[in-house]
Amino acid sequence: MPAVFGSAGDAESGGLAAIHADTTAMARMAAHYIAALFDGTHSRNMALEAGPVAMVINLATARAQGFEIPENVLAQADRLID
């Protein structure tokens, strides 16, 4: 049964796809917020942004299960596993 997981490792291990938090980008965002706080910016003056996400699609799993992933979805993927 096809499933979309919350960890890139699941897609790398044979899962169909994963949509997960981009932890590297989130760490950069956190560093920016911390630097602003240390520079004296009050937290109420800082806009919070949603963290970025990444999508990984396992094409080998899709083929094995008989799925054809639409081109527009493939174009949006951050990484394709073949």
Protein backbone atom coordinates (compact mmCIF):
# COMPACT_ATOMS: atom_id res chain seq x y z
CA MET A 1 0.00 0.00 0.00
CA PRO A 2 1.49 3.38 -0.97
CA ALA A 3 2.25 5.86 1.78
CA VAL A 4 3.84 9.28 2.20
CA PHE A 5 6.20 9.39 5.17
CA GLY A 6 7.52 12.18 7.36
CA SER A 7 11.18 11.27 7.06
CA ALA A 8 13.45 11.20 4.02
CA GLY A 9 15.01 8.01 5.38
CA ASP A 10 11.71 6.18 4.89
CA ALA A 11 11.67 7.06 1.19
CA GLU A 12 15.33 6.09 0.92
CA SER A 13 14.46 2.72 2.49
CA GLY A 14 11.80 1.93 -0.09
CA GLY A 15 8.83 4.12 0.83
CA LEU A 16 6.99 5.82 -2.01
CA ALA A 17 7.57 9.40 -0.88
CA ALA A 18 8.38 11.63 2.07
CA ILE A 19 7.49 15.20 2.89
CA HIS A 20 9.61 16.38 5.79
CA ALA A 21 10.96 19.44 7.54
CA ASP A 22 14.13 20.83 6.01
CA THR A 23 16.12 20.82 9.25
CA THR A 24 19.17 22.54 7.75
CA ALA A 25 17.08 25.52 6.63
CA MET A 26 15.26 25.55 9.97
CA ALA A 27 18.58 25.71 11.82
CA ARG A 28 19.58 28.73 9.72
CA MET A 29 16.26 30.40 10.55
CA ALA A 30 16.76 29.69 14.27
CA ALA A 31 20.26 31.19 14.14
CA HIS A 32 18.82 34.33 12.54
CA TYR A 33 16.20 34.68 15.30
CA ILE A 34 18.77 34.09 18.05
CA ALA A 35 21.16 36.66 16.55
CA ALA A 36 18.34 39.22 16.40
CA LEU A 37 17.47 38.56 20.05
CA PHE A 38 21.12 38.99 21.07
CA ASP A 39 21.20 42.25 19.10
CA GLY A 40 18.34 43.54 21.27
CA THR A 41 15.29 42.91 19.07
CA HIS A 42 12.27 42.11 21.20
CA SER A 43 10.57 38.85 20.31
CA ARG A 44 7.22 40.62 19.76
CA ASN A 45 8.84 42.52 16.87
CA MET A 46 9.94 39.36 15.11
CA ALA A 47 7.66 37.68 12.59
CA LEU A 48 7.59 33.90 12.80
CA GLU A 49 7.68 32.00 9.56
CA ALA A 50 6.66 28.44 8.80
CA GLY A 51 9.65 26.17 8.39
CA PRO A 52 10.49 24.94 4.91
CA VAL A 53 9.64 21.42 3.84
CA ALA A 54 11.29 19.08 1.36
CA MET A 55 9.75 16.34 -0.80
CA VAL A 56 11.54 13.12 -1.73
CA ILE A 57 10.03 10.64 -4.23
CA ASN A 58 11.27 7.09 -4.70
CA LEU A 59 10.79 6.38 -8.42
CA ALA A 60 11.85 2.74 -8.10
CA THR A 61 9.07 2.13 -5.57
CA ALA A 62 6.56 3.96 -7.75
CA ARG A 63 7.47 1.77 -10.74
CA ALA A 64 7.33 -1.42 -8.65
CA GLN A 65 3.83 -0.51 -7.45
CA GLY A 66 2.65 0.53 -10.90
CA PHE A 67 2.31 4.24 -10.14
CA GLU A 68 3.06 6.96 -12.62
CA ILE A 69 3.94 10.17 -10.81
CA PRO A 70 2.74 13.26 -12.75
CA GLU A 71 5.48 15.46 -14.21
CA ASN A 72 4.29 18.53 -12.27
CA VAL A 73 4.74 16.60 -8.99
CA LEU A 74 8.18 15.36 -10.04
CA ALA A 75 9.17 18.93 -10.90
CA GLN A 76 8.33 20.03 -7.35
CA ALA A 77 10.35 17.28 -5.67
CA ASP A 78 13.56 18.29 -3.94
CA ARG A 79 15.06 14.86 -4.58
CA LEU A 80 14.24 11.87 -6.74
CA ILE A 81 15.50 8.39 -5.86
CA ASP A 82 15.86 6.02 -8.80
